[in-house]
């Protein structure tokens, strides 16, 4: 599936966090978060409101707003590989 298809399928994520990630990161992140949460809307809610203890209680959205989108990707990859949060 190409990015355009992802963006149309994951409209909430595209609006909520798409600006912070490049094409490859979006392809990875969108599908991973939706698989974990069950829907595009729930994934967006997680991104914007779920605090991450490893980052001092900041949300993924807050990290991205502070130019730390790479930390969010690394965190998701770490968790995906069965690491601890």
Protein backbone atom coordinates (compact mmCIF):
# COMPACT_ATOMS: atom_id res chain seq x y z
CA UNK A 1 0.00 0.00 0.00
CA UNK A 2 1.39 3.44 -0.87
CA UNK A 3 1.37 6.56 1.31
CA UNK A 4 -1.63 8.09 -0.46
CA UNK A 5 -3.68 4.99 0.35
CA UNK A 6 -2.50 5.08 3.95
CA UNK A 7 -3.38 8.73 4.29
CA UNK A 8 -6.90 8.12 3.00
CA UNK A 9 -7.33 5.09 5.29
CA UNK A 10 -5.77 6.82 8.30
CA UNK A 11 -7.21 10.31 7.99
CA UNK A 12 -7.29 10.94 11.72
CA UNK A 13 -3.62 10.02 12.13
CA UNK A 14 -2.67 12.05 9.08
CA UNK A 15 -4.35 15.13 10.57
CA UNK A 16 -3.12 14.44 14.09
CA UNK A 17 0.52 13.62 13.52
CA UNK A 18 1.31 13.36 9.82
CA UNK A 19 3.28 16.59 9.72
CA UNK A 20 5.96 15.23 12.04
CA UNK A 21 7.00 12.18 10.03
CA UNK A 22 8.40 11.42 6.60
CA UNK A 23 6.75 9.00 4.18
CA UNK A 24 8.51 5.86 5.43
CA UNK A 25 7.88 6.74 9.07
CA UNK A 26 4.18 7.28 8.37
CA UNK A 27 3.87 3.94 6.61
CA UNK A 28 5.45 2.20 9.60
CA UNK A 29 3.88 4.23 12.39
CA UNK A 30 0.30 4.35 11.12
CA UNK A 31 0.00 0.63 10.53
CA UNK A 32 1.71 -0.24 13.83
CA UNK A 33 -0.40 2.09 15.97
CA UNK A 34 -3.65 0.99 14.33
CA UNK A 35 -2.71 -2.67 14.83
CA UNK A 36 -2.08 -1.97 18.53
CA UNK A 37 -5.12 0.19 19.20
CA UNK A 38 -7.69 -1.24 16.77
CA UNK A 39 -8.57 1.90 14.84
CA UNK A 40 -7.26 5.09 13.32
CA UNK A 41 -9.21 7.20 15.82
CA UNK A 42 -7.93 5.27 18.84
CA UNK A 43 -4.37 5.46 17.49
CA UNK A 44 -4.71 9.23 17.19
CA UNK A 45 -6.08 9.43 20.73
CA UNK A 46 -3.10 7.42 21.98
CA UNK A 47 -0.68 9.66 20.11
CA UNK A 48 -2.21 12.82 21.55
CA UNK A 49 -3.11 11.81 25.10
CA UNK A 50 -1.29 8.69 26.33
CA UNK A 51 1.66 9.67 28.50
CA UNK A 52 4.91 7.76 28.07
CA UNK A 53 6.75 7.22 31.34
CA UNK A 54 10.06 6.72 29.53
CA UNK A 55 9.79 10.35 28.39
CA UNK A 56 8.85 11.90 31.71
CA UNK A 57 5.10 11.59 31.18
CA UNK A 58 5.05 13.40 27.86
CA UNK A 59 2.80 12.23 25.04
CA UNK A 60 4.06 11.29 21.59
CA UNK A 61 2.43 14.49 20.31
CA UNK A 62 4.30 16.62 22.85
CA UNK A 63 7.58 14.97 21.91
CA UNK A 64 6.98 15.61 18.23
CA UNK A 65 6.14 19.26 18.88
CA UNK A 66 9.57 19.55 20.52
CA UNK A 67 11.30 18.09 17.43
CA UNK A 68 11.66 14.62 18.94
CA UNK A 69 9.68 12.61 16.38
CA UNK A 70 12.69 10.31 16.00
CA UNK A 71 12.39 9.41 19.70
CA UNK A 72 8.74 8.43 19.15
CA UNK A 73 9.69 6.13 16.26
CA UNK A 74 12.50 4.56 18.32
CA UNK A 75 10.13 4.05 21.24
CA UNK A 76 7.48 2.35 19.07
CA UNK A 77 10.12 0.09 17.49
CA UNK A 78 11.45 -0.80 20.94
CA UNK A 79 7.99 -1.73 22.22
CA UNK A 80 7.24 -3.64 19.04
CA UNK A 81 10.33 -5.78 19.68
CA UNK A 82 8.86 -6.63 23.09
CA UNK A 83 10.86 -4.08 25.03
CA UNK A 84 9.60 -2.46 28.17
CA UNK A 85 7.93 0.95 28.11
